[in-house]
N, C-alpha and C. Protein backbone atom coordinates (compact mmCIF):
# COMPACT_ATOMS: atom_id res chain seq x y z
N MET A 1 13.98 -1.88 16.19
CA MET A 1 12.68 -2.42 15.78
C MET A 1 12.65 -2.60 14.26
N GLY A 2 12.10 -3.70 13.81
CA GLY A 2 12.07 -4.00 12.38
C GLY A 2 10.79 -3.57 11.71
N ALA A 3 10.41 -2.32 11.89
CA ALA A 3 9.14 -1.83 11.36
C ALA A 3 9.37 -0.87 10.21
N ASN A 4 8.43 -0.86 9.27
CA ASN A 4 8.50 0.02 8.10
C ASN A 4 7.35 1.03 8.11
N PHE A 5 7.46 2.00 7.23
CA PHE A 5 6.44 3.05 7.09
C PHE A 5 5.13 2.48 6.56
N SER A 6 4.03 3.03 7.06
CA SER A 6 2.69 2.66 6.57
C SER A 6 1.74 3.83 6.78
N ALA A 7 0.84 4.03 5.82
CA ALA A 7 -0.21 5.05 5.94
C ALA A 7 -1.48 4.52 5.30
N VAL A 8 -2.61 4.90 5.86
CA VAL A 8 -3.91 4.47 5.32
C VAL A 8 -4.67 5.70 4.83
N ILE A 9 -5.23 5.58 3.63
CA ILE A 9 -5.93 6.68 2.97
C ILE A 9 -7.23 6.15 2.38
N GLU A 10 -8.30 6.92 2.52
CA GLU A 10 -9.57 6.55 1.90
C GLU A 10 -9.51 6.91 0.41
N HIS A 11 -10.00 6.01 -0.45
CA HIS A 11 -9.98 6.32 -1.89
C HIS A 11 -11.40 6.37 -2.45
N ASN A 12 -11.51 6.93 -3.66
CA ASN A 12 -12.82 7.09 -4.30
C ASN A 12 -12.86 6.42 -5.68
N LEU A 13 -12.07 5.38 -5.86
CA LEU A 13 -12.05 4.65 -7.13
C LEU A 13 -13.17 3.62 -7.12
N ARG A 14 -14.11 3.74 -8.05
CA ARG A 14 -15.33 2.95 -7.95
C ARG A 14 -15.64 2.11 -9.19
N ASP A 15 -14.70 2.05 -10.13
CA ASP A 15 -14.94 1.21 -11.30
C ASP A 15 -13.61 0.95 -12.01
N LYS A 16 -13.68 0.13 -13.05
CA LYS A 16 -12.49 -0.23 -13.82
C LYS A 16 -11.80 0.99 -14.40
N ASN A 17 -12.59 1.90 -14.95
CA ASN A 17 -12.00 3.07 -15.60
C ASN A 17 -11.23 3.96 -14.62
N SER A 18 -11.78 4.12 -13.42
CA SER A 18 -11.09 4.98 -12.44
C SER A 18 -9.80 4.34 -11.94
N LEU A 19 -9.78 3.01 -11.81
CA LEU A 19 -8.55 2.32 -11.44
C LEU A 19 -7.49 2.48 -12.53
N GLU A 20 -7.90 2.28 -13.77
CA GLU A 20 -6.96 2.40 -14.88
C GLU A 20 -6.47 3.84 -15.02
N LYS A 21 -7.37 4.79 -14.81
CA LYS A 21 -7.00 6.21 -14.90
C LYS A 21 -6.01 6.58 -13.80
N PHE A 22 -6.19 6.04 -12.62
CA PHE A 22 -5.27 6.31 -11.52
C PHE A 22 -3.86 5.85 -11.88
N LEU A 23 -3.73 4.63 -12.39
CA LEU A 23 -2.40 4.15 -12.77
C LEU A 23 -1.81 5.01 -13.88
N GLU A 24 -2.62 5.37 -14.84
CA GLU A 24 -2.14 6.22 -15.94
C GLU A 24 -1.65 7.57 -15.41
N ASP A 25 -2.42 8.18 -14.52
CA ASP A 25 -2.02 9.47 -13.95
C ASP A 25 -0.76 9.32 -13.09
N LEU A 26 -0.68 8.23 -12.34
CA LEU A 26 0.48 7.98 -11.49
C LEU A 26 1.75 7.90 -12.33
N ILE A 27 1.65 7.31 -13.50
CA ILE A 27 2.80 7.15 -14.38
C ILE A 27 3.17 8.44 -15.10
N PHE A 28 2.16 9.14 -15.62
CA PHE A 28 2.44 10.25 -16.55
C PHE A 28 2.26 11.65 -15.97
N ARG A 29 1.45 11.82 -14.92
CA ARG A 29 1.12 13.16 -14.45
C ARG A 29 2.08 13.63 -13.35
N THR A 30 3.23 14.08 -13.78
CA THR A 30 4.20 14.62 -12.83
C THR A 30 3.63 15.81 -12.06
N ASP A 31 2.72 16.55 -12.69
CA ASP A 31 2.12 17.70 -12.02
C ASP A 31 1.24 17.29 -10.85
N LEU A 32 0.62 16.12 -10.93
CA LEU A 32 -0.23 15.63 -9.84
C LEU A 32 0.57 14.94 -8.75
N PHE A 33 1.67 14.29 -9.13
CA PHE A 33 2.43 13.47 -8.18
C PHE A 33 3.92 13.80 -8.21
N PRO A 34 4.30 15.06 -7.99
CA PRO A 34 5.73 15.41 -8.05
C PRO A 34 6.57 14.70 -7.00
N ALA A 35 6.06 14.56 -5.78
CA ALA A 35 6.83 13.90 -4.71
C ALA A 35 7.02 12.42 -5.02
N ILE A 36 5.99 11.79 -5.56
CA ILE A 36 6.10 10.37 -5.91
C ILE A 36 7.10 10.18 -7.03
N HIS A 37 7.05 11.03 -8.04
CA HIS A 37 8.00 10.93 -9.16
C HIS A 37 9.43 11.15 -8.68
N LYS A 38 9.61 12.08 -7.76
CA LYS A 38 10.95 12.32 -7.22
C LYS A 38 11.45 11.12 -6.43
N LEU A 39 10.58 10.55 -5.60
CA LEU A 39 10.96 9.41 -4.77
C LEU A 39 11.31 8.19 -5.61
N THR A 40 10.62 8.01 -6.72
CA THR A 40 10.86 6.84 -7.57
C THR A 40 11.87 7.13 -8.68
N ASN A 41 12.56 8.26 -8.59
CA ASN A 41 13.56 8.64 -9.59
C ASN A 41 12.98 8.69 -11.00
N HIS A 42 11.72 9.08 -11.09
CA HIS A 42 11.02 9.25 -12.37
C HIS A 42 10.94 7.95 -13.17
N GLU A 43 11.00 6.82 -12.48
CA GLU A 43 10.84 5.52 -13.14
C GLU A 43 9.40 5.04 -13.00
N ASN A 44 8.46 5.96 -13.11
CA ASN A 44 7.07 5.64 -12.81
C ASN A 44 6.41 4.71 -13.81
N ASP A 45 7.05 4.50 -14.97
CA ASP A 45 6.48 3.55 -15.91
C ASP A 45 6.56 2.12 -15.39
N GLN A 46 7.27 1.92 -14.27
CA GLN A 46 7.41 0.59 -13.70
C GLN A 46 6.30 0.25 -12.69
N TRP A 47 5.39 1.18 -12.43
CA TRP A 47 4.24 0.84 -11.59
C TRP A 47 3.42 -0.24 -12.29
N GLU A 48 2.95 -1.23 -11.51
CA GLU A 48 2.13 -2.28 -12.11
C GLU A 48 1.19 -2.89 -11.08
N TRP A 49 0.01 -3.28 -11.57
CA TRP A 49 -0.92 -4.04 -10.74
C TRP A 49 -0.39 -5.45 -10.56
N ILE A 50 -0.47 -5.97 -9.35
CA ILE A 50 -0.07 -7.35 -9.08
C ILE A 50 -1.33 -8.21 -9.17
N ARG A 51 -1.44 -8.93 -10.27
CA ARG A 51 -2.67 -9.65 -10.60
C ARG A 51 -2.63 -11.11 -10.15
N GLU A 52 -3.82 -11.66 -9.86
CA GLU A 52 -3.96 -13.09 -9.61
C GLU A 52 -3.84 -13.83 -10.94
N LEU A 53 -2.90 -14.76 -11.01
CA LEU A 53 -2.68 -15.50 -12.25
C LEU A 53 -3.67 -16.64 -12.39
N ASP A 54 -4.00 -16.97 -13.62
CA ASP A 54 -4.88 -18.10 -13.92
C ASP A 54 -4.00 -19.33 -14.08
N LEU A 55 -3.91 -20.12 -13.00
CA LEU A 55 -3.03 -21.29 -12.99
C LEU A 55 -3.84 -22.57 -12.93
N PRO A 56 -3.36 -23.63 -13.57
CA PRO A 56 -4.04 -24.93 -13.47
C PRO A 56 -3.95 -25.47 -12.05
N ILE A 57 -4.94 -26.26 -11.66
CA ILE A 57 -4.99 -26.79 -10.30
C ILE A 57 -3.94 -27.86 -10.06
N SER A 58 -3.72 -28.72 -11.03
CA SER A 58 -2.82 -29.86 -10.83
C SER A 58 -1.44 -29.57 -11.41
N PHE A 59 -0.41 -30.09 -10.71
CA PHE A 59 0.97 -29.97 -11.15
C PHE A 59 1.60 -31.36 -11.07
N GLY A 60 2.93 -31.42 -11.11
CA GLY A 60 3.62 -32.71 -11.02
C GLY A 60 3.36 -33.41 -9.69
N ASN A 61 3.61 -34.70 -9.64
CA ASN A 61 3.31 -35.49 -8.44
C ASN A 61 4.39 -35.39 -7.37
N GLN A 62 5.65 -35.58 -7.74
CA GLN A 62 6.72 -35.51 -6.76
C GLN A 62 7.02 -34.05 -6.42
N MET A 63 7.54 -33.84 -5.20
CA MET A 63 7.76 -32.47 -4.73
C MET A 63 8.67 -31.68 -5.67
N THR A 64 9.78 -32.30 -6.09
CA THR A 64 10.73 -31.59 -6.96
C THR A 64 10.08 -31.21 -8.28
N SER A 65 9.40 -32.16 -8.90
CA SER A 65 8.75 -31.87 -10.18
C SER A 65 7.58 -30.92 -9.99
N TRP A 66 6.90 -30.99 -8.84
CA TRP A 66 5.78 -30.09 -8.56
C TRP A 66 6.26 -28.64 -8.51
N VAL A 67 7.37 -28.41 -7.80
CA VAL A 67 7.91 -27.05 -7.68
C VAL A 67 8.37 -26.53 -9.04
N LYS A 68 9.08 -27.36 -9.79
CA LYS A 68 9.53 -26.95 -11.12
C LYS A 68 8.35 -26.66 -12.04
N ASP A 69 7.34 -27.53 -11.96
CA ASP A 69 6.16 -27.36 -12.81
C ASP A 69 5.42 -26.08 -12.46
N LEU A 70 5.31 -25.81 -11.16
CA LEU A 70 4.65 -24.59 -10.70
C LEU A 70 5.38 -23.35 -11.21
N LYS A 71 6.70 -23.32 -11.05
CA LYS A 71 7.49 -22.17 -11.50
C LYS A 71 7.32 -21.96 -13.00
N ARG A 72 7.36 -23.06 -13.75
CA ARG A 72 7.23 -22.96 -15.20
C ARG A 72 5.87 -22.38 -15.59
N LYS A 73 4.81 -22.85 -14.92
CA LYS A 73 3.47 -22.40 -15.27
C LYS A 73 3.21 -20.97 -14.81
N VAL A 74 3.81 -20.58 -13.70
CA VAL A 74 3.70 -19.20 -13.25
C VAL A 74 4.36 -18.26 -14.26
N GLU A 75 5.56 -18.61 -14.70
CA GLU A 75 6.26 -17.78 -15.67
C GLU A 75 5.50 -17.71 -16.99
N ALA A 76 4.93 -18.84 -17.40
CA ALA A 76 4.16 -18.86 -18.65
C ALA A 76 2.92 -17.98 -18.54
N ALA A 77 2.23 -18.04 -17.37
CA ALA A 77 1.03 -17.23 -17.17
C ALA A 77 1.37 -15.74 -17.16
N LYS A 78 2.50 -15.38 -16.54
CA LYS A 78 2.94 -13.98 -16.54
C LYS A 78 3.25 -13.50 -17.95
N LEU A 79 3.99 -14.33 -18.69
CA LEU A 79 4.40 -13.96 -20.04
C LEU A 79 3.19 -13.78 -20.95
N GLN A 80 2.22 -14.68 -20.81
CA GLN A 80 1.02 -14.65 -21.66
C GLN A 80 -0.09 -13.78 -21.07
N LYS A 81 0.16 -13.20 -19.89
CA LYS A 81 -0.81 -12.36 -19.20
C LYS A 81 -2.15 -13.08 -19.04
N ARG A 82 -2.06 -14.30 -18.51
CA ARG A 82 -3.26 -15.08 -18.22
C ARG A 82 -3.64 -14.82 -16.76
N TYR A 83 -4.71 -14.05 -16.58
CA TYR A 83 -5.12 -13.67 -15.24
C TYR A 83 -6.41 -14.37 -14.84
N LYS A 84 -6.59 -14.50 -13.53
CA LYS A 84 -7.78 -15.17 -13.00
C LYS A 84 -9.04 -14.37 -13.32
N TYR A 85 -8.92 -13.06 -13.36
CA TYR A 85 -10.08 -12.18 -13.61
C TYR A 85 -9.85 -11.38 -14.88
N SER A 86 -10.92 -10.99 -15.52
CA SER A 86 -10.81 -10.33 -16.82
C SER A 86 -10.25 -8.91 -16.73
N ASN A 87 -10.44 -8.25 -15.57
CA ASN A 87 -9.90 -6.90 -15.40
C ASN A 87 -9.66 -6.61 -13.92
N ILE A 88 -9.01 -5.50 -13.64
CA ILE A 88 -8.61 -5.20 -12.27
C ILE A 88 -9.80 -4.90 -11.36
N TRP A 89 -10.87 -4.31 -11.91
CA TRP A 89 -12.04 -4.04 -11.08
C TRP A 89 -12.73 -5.34 -10.68
N GLU A 90 -12.85 -6.27 -11.60
CA GLU A 90 -13.44 -7.57 -11.28
C GLU A 90 -12.62 -8.26 -10.19
N GLU A 91 -11.30 -8.14 -10.29
CA GLU A 91 -10.45 -8.75 -9.27
C GLU A 91 -10.65 -8.09 -7.91
N LEU A 92 -10.75 -6.77 -7.89
CA LEU A 92 -10.92 -6.05 -6.63
C LEU A 92 -12.24 -6.41 -5.96
N ILE A 93 -13.33 -6.45 -6.71
CA ILE A 93 -14.62 -6.74 -6.08
C ILE A 93 -14.76 -8.23 -5.74
N SER A 94 -14.02 -9.09 -6.44
CA SER A 94 -14.09 -10.53 -6.16
C SER A 94 -13.20 -10.91 -4.98
N GLU A 95 -11.98 -10.39 -4.95
CA GLU A 95 -11.02 -10.73 -3.90
C GLU A 95 -11.07 -9.74 -2.74
N ASP A 96 -11.69 -8.58 -2.96
CA ASP A 96 -11.73 -7.47 -2.00
C ASP A 96 -10.33 -6.98 -1.65
N ARG A 97 -9.40 -7.16 -2.55
CA ARG A 97 -8.06 -6.59 -2.38
C ARG A 97 -7.35 -6.59 -3.73
N LEU A 98 -6.44 -5.65 -3.87
CA LEU A 98 -5.68 -5.50 -5.10
C LEU A 98 -4.42 -4.72 -4.75
N SER A 99 -3.29 -5.13 -5.33
CA SER A 99 -2.02 -4.49 -5.00
C SER A 99 -1.42 -3.79 -6.21
N LEU A 100 -0.81 -2.64 -5.93
CA LEU A 100 -0.13 -1.85 -6.95
C LEU A 100 1.30 -1.62 -6.46
N LYS A 101 2.26 -2.08 -7.24
CA LYS A 101 3.66 -2.02 -6.80
C LYS A 101 4.43 -1.00 -7.62
N GLY A 102 5.23 -0.17 -6.93
CA GLY A 102 6.02 0.85 -7.59
C GLY A 102 7.40 0.38 -7.97
N PRO A 103 8.20 1.24 -8.59
CA PRO A 103 9.55 0.89 -9.00
C PRO A 103 10.40 0.41 -7.83
N ASP A 104 11.02 -0.76 -8.00
CA ASP A 104 11.87 -1.35 -6.96
C ASP A 104 11.15 -1.51 -5.62
N SER A 105 9.82 -1.50 -5.66
CA SER A 105 8.98 -1.69 -4.46
C SER A 105 9.22 -0.61 -3.40
N ILE A 106 9.74 0.56 -3.81
CA ILE A 106 9.93 1.61 -2.81
C ILE A 106 8.60 2.08 -2.25
N LEU A 107 7.54 1.99 -3.07
CA LEU A 107 6.18 2.26 -2.61
C LEU A 107 5.28 1.14 -3.10
N GLU A 108 4.34 0.74 -2.26
CA GLU A 108 3.31 -0.22 -2.65
C GLU A 108 1.98 0.24 -2.09
N MET A 109 0.91 -0.06 -2.81
CA MET A 109 -0.43 0.28 -2.36
C MET A 109 -1.30 -0.97 -2.37
N ASN A 110 -1.86 -1.28 -1.21
CA ASN A 110 -2.82 -2.38 -1.11
C ASN A 110 -4.22 -1.79 -0.99
N PHE A 111 -5.09 -2.15 -1.91
CA PHE A 111 -6.44 -1.62 -1.97
C PHE A 111 -7.46 -2.63 -1.47
N ASN A 112 -8.50 -2.15 -0.77
CA ASN A 112 -9.78 -2.84 -0.78
C ASN A 112 -10.77 -1.88 -1.44
N LEU A 113 -12.05 -2.11 -1.29
CA LEU A 113 -13.02 -1.26 -1.99
C LEU A 113 -13.12 0.15 -1.40
N HIS A 114 -12.54 0.36 -0.21
CA HIS A 114 -12.73 1.63 0.49
C HIS A 114 -11.44 2.39 0.79
N ILE A 115 -10.40 1.68 1.13
CA ILE A 115 -9.17 2.31 1.60
C ILE A 115 -7.95 1.69 0.93
N ILE A 116 -6.83 2.42 1.00
CA ILE A 116 -5.55 1.84 0.60
C ILE A 116 -4.59 1.92 1.77
N GLU A 117 -3.71 0.95 1.85
CA GLU A 117 -2.55 1.05 2.72
C GLU A 117 -1.35 1.35 1.84
N LEU A 118 -0.73 2.50 2.06
CA LEU A 118 0.51 2.85 1.39
C LEU A 118 1.66 2.36 2.25
N SER A 119 2.52 1.53 1.69
CA SER A 119 3.65 1.02 2.46
C SER A 119 4.94 1.24 1.69
N SER A 120 6.05 1.07 2.40
CA SER A 120 7.37 1.30 1.81
C SER A 120 8.39 0.50 2.59
N TYR A 121 9.52 0.21 1.94
CA TYR A 121 10.61 -0.40 2.70
C TYR A 121 11.38 0.64 3.50
N ILE A 122 11.00 1.92 3.39
CA ILE A 122 11.59 2.96 4.24
C ILE A 122 11.23 2.66 5.69
N ARG A 123 12.22 2.70 6.55
CA ARG A 123 12.01 2.30 7.94
C ARG A 123 11.13 3.31 8.69
N TRP A 124 10.36 2.78 9.60
CA TRP A 124 9.46 3.60 10.40
C TRP A 124 10.23 4.63 11.23
N ARG A 125 11.35 4.22 11.78
CA ARG A 125 12.15 5.16 12.58
C ARG A 125 12.64 6.32 11.72
N SER A 126 12.99 6.05 10.47
CA SER A 126 13.43 7.13 9.58
C SER A 126 12.30 8.13 9.35
N PHE A 127 11.08 7.62 9.20
CA PHE A 127 9.94 8.53 9.04
C PHE A 127 9.73 9.37 10.29
N LEU A 128 9.89 8.76 11.47
CA LEU A 128 9.65 9.48 12.71
C LEU A 128 10.73 10.52 13.02
N LYS A 129 12.00 10.21 12.72
CA LYS A 129 13.09 11.03 13.22
C LYS A 129 13.90 11.77 12.15
N ASP A 130 13.85 11.32 10.90
CA ASP A 130 14.58 12.01 9.84
C ASP A 130 13.64 12.97 9.13
N MET A 131 13.87 14.26 9.29
CA MET A 131 12.91 15.25 8.81
C MET A 131 12.80 15.27 7.29
N GLU A 132 13.89 15.00 6.58
CA GLU A 132 13.82 14.98 5.11
C GLU A 132 12.97 13.81 4.63
N THR A 133 13.21 12.63 5.20
CA THR A 133 12.40 11.45 4.84
C THR A 133 10.94 11.68 5.19
N GLN A 134 10.71 12.23 6.37
CA GLN A 134 9.34 12.49 6.81
C GLN A 134 8.63 13.45 5.86
N SER A 135 9.32 14.49 5.46
CA SER A 135 8.72 15.48 4.56
C SER A 135 8.34 14.85 3.22
N ILE A 136 9.22 14.02 2.68
CA ILE A 136 8.94 13.36 1.39
C ILE A 136 7.70 12.49 1.50
N LEU A 137 7.63 11.65 2.53
CA LEU A 137 6.50 10.73 2.66
C LEU A 137 5.20 11.46 2.97
N ARG A 138 5.28 12.53 3.74
CA ARG A 138 4.07 13.31 4.00
C ARG A 138 3.56 13.96 2.72
N ASN A 139 4.47 14.43 1.88
CA ASN A 139 4.06 15.00 0.59
C ASN A 139 3.46 13.95 -0.33
N VAL A 140 4.02 12.75 -0.30
CA VAL A 140 3.44 11.64 -1.07
C VAL A 140 2.00 11.40 -0.64
N CYS A 141 1.79 11.35 0.67
CA CYS A 141 0.44 11.11 1.19
C CYS A 141 -0.50 12.27 0.86
N LYS A 142 0.01 13.48 0.92
CA LYS A 142 -0.82 14.64 0.58
C LYS A 142 -1.26 14.58 -0.88
N GLU A 143 -0.35 14.19 -1.77
CA GLU A 143 -0.70 14.07 -3.19
C GLU A 143 -1.79 13.03 -3.41
N LEU A 144 -1.67 11.90 -2.72
CA LEU A 144 -2.69 10.85 -2.86
C LEU A 144 -4.02 11.30 -2.28
N CYS A 145 -3.99 11.97 -1.13
CA CYS A 145 -5.23 12.47 -0.53
C CYS A 145 -5.93 13.46 -1.47
N THR A 146 -5.16 14.34 -2.07
CA THR A 146 -5.73 15.31 -3.01
C THR A 146 -6.37 14.59 -4.18
N TYR A 147 -5.68 13.59 -4.71
CA TYR A 147 -6.20 12.84 -5.86
C TYR A 147 -7.49 12.11 -5.49
N PHE A 148 -7.52 11.53 -4.30
CA PHE A 148 -8.68 10.74 -3.88
C PHE A 148 -9.76 11.59 -3.22
N ASP A 149 -9.56 12.91 -3.20
CA ASP A 149 -10.55 13.85 -2.68
C ASP A 149 -10.88 13.57 -1.21
N THR A 150 -9.84 13.34 -0.43
CA THR A 150 -10.00 13.21 1.01
C THR A 150 -9.00 14.13 1.69
N ASN A 151 -9.27 14.53 2.92
CA ASN A 151 -8.45 15.57 3.54
C ASN A 151 -7.55 15.07 4.67
N TYR A 152 -7.41 13.75 4.82
CA TYR A 152 -6.52 13.26 5.88
C TYR A 152 -6.02 11.86 5.56
N CYS A 153 -4.94 11.50 6.24
CA CYS A 153 -4.44 10.12 6.20
C CYS A 153 -4.02 9.73 7.62
N ILE A 154 -3.77 8.45 7.81
CA ILE A 154 -3.40 7.94 9.13
C ILE A 154 -2.05 7.24 9.03
N TYR A 155 -1.07 7.72 9.81
CA TYR A 155 0.25 7.11 9.85
C TYR A 155 0.32 6.10 10.99
N MET A 156 0.97 4.99 10.71
CA MET A 156 1.13 3.97 11.74
C MET A 156 2.21 3.00 11.29
N SER A 157 2.97 2.49 12.23
CA SER A 157 3.97 1.47 11.91
C SER A 157 3.30 0.25 11.29
N ASP A 158 3.96 -0.36 10.29
CA ASP A 158 3.35 -1.51 9.63
C ASP A 158 3.25 -2.73 10.53
N GLU A 159 3.94 -2.72 11.68
CA GLU A 159 3.84 -3.86 12.59
C GLU A 159 2.46 -3.94 13.25
N PHE A 160 1.67 -2.87 13.17
CA PHE A 160 0.34 -2.88 13.76
C PHE A 160 -0.74 -3.31 12.77
N CYS A 161 -0.31 -3.80 11.60
CA CYS A 161 -1.17 -4.58 10.70
C CYS A 161 -2.38 -3.84 10.14
N ALA A 162 -2.14 -2.69 9.51
CA ALA A 162 -3.23 -2.07 8.75
C ALA A 162 -3.66 -2.99 7.62
N THR A 163 -2.74 -3.87 7.18
CA THR A 163 -3.06 -4.82 6.11
C THR A 163 -4.25 -5.68 6.48
N ASP A 164 -4.41 -6.00 7.76
CA ASP A 164 -5.55 -6.80 8.19
C ASP A 164 -6.87 -6.11 7.84
N SER A 165 -6.92 -4.80 8.01
CA SER A 165 -8.14 -4.06 7.68
C SER A 165 -8.41 -4.07 6.19
N ILE A 166 -7.35 -4.07 5.38
CA ILE A 166 -7.52 -4.19 3.93
C ILE A 166 -8.15 -5.53 3.61
N TYR A 167 -7.58 -6.61 4.13
CA TYR A 167 -8.08 -7.95 3.82
C TYR A 167 -9.48 -8.20 4.37
N GLU A 168 -9.82 -7.52 5.46
CA GLU A 168 -11.16 -7.69 6.03
C GLU A 168 -12.20 -6.81 5.35
N GLY A 169 -11.78 -5.98 4.39
CA GLY A 169 -12.71 -5.14 3.65
C GLY A 169 -13.23 -3.95 4.42
N ASN A 170 -12.49 -3.52 5.44
CA ASN A 170 -12.97 -2.43 6.29
C ASN A 170 -12.99 -1.09 5.57
N SER A 171 -13.94 -0.26 5.93
CA SER A 171 -13.99 1.13 5.47
C SER A 171 -13.09 1.97 6.37
N MET A 172 -12.90 3.24 6.03
CA MET A 172 -12.09 4.11 6.86
C MET A 172 -12.71 4.30 8.24
N SER A 173 -14.01 4.43 8.31
CA SER A 173 -14.65 4.60 9.62
C SER A 173 -14.46 3.36 10.48
N GLN A 174 -14.54 2.18 9.88
CA GLN A 174 -14.30 0.94 10.64
C GLN A 174 -12.85 0.85 11.09
N TYR A 175 -11.94 1.26 10.22
CA TYR A 175 -10.52 1.25 10.58
C TYR A 175 -10.26 2.19 11.75
N ARG A 176 -10.85 3.38 11.71
CA ARG A 176 -10.64 4.34 12.80
C ARG A 176 -11.26 3.85 14.10
N GLU A 177 -12.41 3.19 14.02
CA GLU A 177 -13.02 2.62 15.22
C GLU A 177 -12.10 1.57 15.85
N ASP A 178 -11.46 0.76 14.99
CA ASP A 178 -10.54 -0.26 15.49
C ASP A 178 -9.32 0.38 16.14
N LEU A 179 -8.80 1.44 15.54
CA LEU A 179 -7.66 2.14 16.14
C LEU A 179 -8.03 2.75 17.49
N MET A 180 -9.20 3.34 17.57
CA MET A 180 -9.65 3.93 18.83
C MET A 180 -9.76 2.86 19.92
N ARG A 181 -10.29 1.70 19.54
CA ARG A 181 -10.44 0.61 20.50
C ARG A 181 -9.08 0.10 20.98
N ARG A 182 -8.12 0.02 20.07
CA ARG A 182 -6.82 -0.55 20.41
C ARG A 182 -5.86 0.45 21.05
N PHE A 183 -5.91 1.71 20.59
CA PHE A 183 -4.87 2.67 20.99
C PHE A 183 -5.40 3.96 21.59
N GLY A 184 -6.71 4.17 21.55
CA GLY A 184 -7.25 5.43 22.02
C GLY A 184 -7.15 6.52 20.95
N GLN A 185 -7.11 7.77 21.39
CA GLN A 185 -7.08 8.91 20.47
C GLN A 185 -5.78 8.97 19.68
N SER A 186 -5.83 9.66 18.54
CA SER A 186 -4.63 9.92 17.75
C SER A 186 -3.61 10.70 18.57
N LYS A 187 -2.33 10.42 18.33
CA LYS A 187 -1.27 11.23 18.93
C LYS A 187 -1.39 12.66 18.42
N GLN A 188 -0.81 13.59 19.16
CA GLN A 188 -0.90 15.00 18.79
C GLN A 188 0.10 15.38 17.69
N THR A 189 1.22 14.66 17.63
CA THR A 189 2.24 14.91 16.61
C THR A 189 2.83 13.58 16.16
N ILE A 190 3.54 13.61 15.05
CA ILE A 190 4.24 12.42 14.58
C ILE A 190 5.29 11.99 15.60
N ASP A 191 6.00 12.96 16.15
CA ASP A 191 7.07 12.65 17.11
C ASP A 191 6.54 11.95 18.36
N ASP A 192 5.27 12.17 18.69
CA ASP A 192 4.69 11.53 19.87
C ASP A 192 4.62 10.01 19.73
N MET A 193 4.71 9.50 18.51
CA MET A 193 4.67 8.04 18.32
C MET A 193 6.02 7.39 18.64
N TYR A 194 7.05 8.21 18.79
CA TYR A 194 8.40 7.71 19.10
C TYR A 194 8.61 7.73 20.60
N ILE A 195 8.94 6.58 21.17
CA ILE A 195 9.16 6.47 22.61
C ILE A 195 10.61 6.05 22.85
N LYS A 196 11.40 6.95 23.46
CA LYS A 196 12.80 6.65 23.75
C LYS A 196 12.88 5.84 25.03
N LEU A 197 13.58 4.70 24.95
CA LEU A 197 13.84 3.87 26.11
C LEU A 197 15.28 4.06 26.55
N GLU A 198 15.67 3.37 27.61
CA GLU A 198 17.02 3.56 28.16
C GLU A 198 18.11 3.25 27.14
N ASP A 199 17.99 2.12 26.46
CA ASP A 199 19.02 1.74 25.50
C ASP A 199 18.44 1.35 24.14
N SER A 200 17.20 1.73 23.90
CA SER A 200 16.56 1.42 22.61
C SER A 200 15.36 2.37 22.43
N TRP A 201 14.43 1.97 21.61
CA TRP A 201 13.24 2.79 21.40
C TRP A 201 12.07 1.89 21.04
N THR A 202 10.88 2.45 21.11
CA THR A 202 9.68 1.74 20.67
C THR A 202 8.72 2.76 20.06
N THR A 203 7.62 2.27 19.57
CA THR A 203 6.62 3.17 18.99
C THR A 203 5.25 2.76 19.49
N GLU A 204 4.35 3.72 19.55
CA GLU A 204 2.99 3.40 19.99
C GLU A 204 2.00 4.33 19.31
N GLY A 205 0.80 3.80 19.11
CA GLY A 205 -0.29 4.61 18.61
C GLY A 205 -0.19 4.96 17.13
N TYR A 206 -0.92 5.98 16.76
CA TYR A 206 -1.04 6.41 15.37
C TYR A 206 -1.23 7.92 15.34
N PHE A 207 -1.10 8.50 14.16
CA PHE A 207 -1.29 9.94 14.02
C PHE A 207 -2.12 10.23 12.79
N ILE A 208 -3.16 11.04 12.95
CA ILE A 208 -4.00 11.47 11.83
C ILE A 208 -3.53 12.85 11.38
N GLU A 209 -3.13 12.94 10.13
CA GLU A 209 -2.72 14.24 9.58
C GLU A 209 -3.79 14.75 8.64
N TYR A 210 -4.24 15.98 8.90
CA TYR A 210 -5.23 16.64 8.06
C TYR A 210 -4.53 17.61 7.11
N PHE A 211 -4.95 17.62 5.87
CA PHE A 211 -4.34 18.47 4.86
C PHE A 211 -5.29 19.59 4.43
């Protein structure tokens, strides 16, 4: 199965300052995020918000020149830091989503106003069956839950599209209602999400971990 790790966490960031403070703490506060710093090989200065660029509407007419013109203007906007919105909070409340990418994309966080989806290129099967990988990612989630002053997170394969709930602006209660409707109650353990088949495997459901 081509699925990756995903977890959903409720956050309490409610303004520009709290968003900026979170990124600052993520980069510099090893005491708050030891598991994250270990996972990213202490390259935390590479965390960055993925911003909407302020790009002109019109480009070249022919397809070849249009593509070249677009690439050139995208690079220029990045270099000059020309963004569609004046700050990250304005972008979040306007677009109802905002992304934060970690070093080498080993971790990414997609925000709406209520929840984040933590994702990784780490495979879902590795999280389910490799105890070392599982322990690292659970500690990462625990650190984020502590920071956001919440006591649980929800693990689920990324193939079940928690990203949709981010884009739809759902709260944690709405997300949990959707999970209940689609899958029923939370599994009792992480291992319960792993289903061994005769010559392969599959996954089902979700697991809520309380810290």
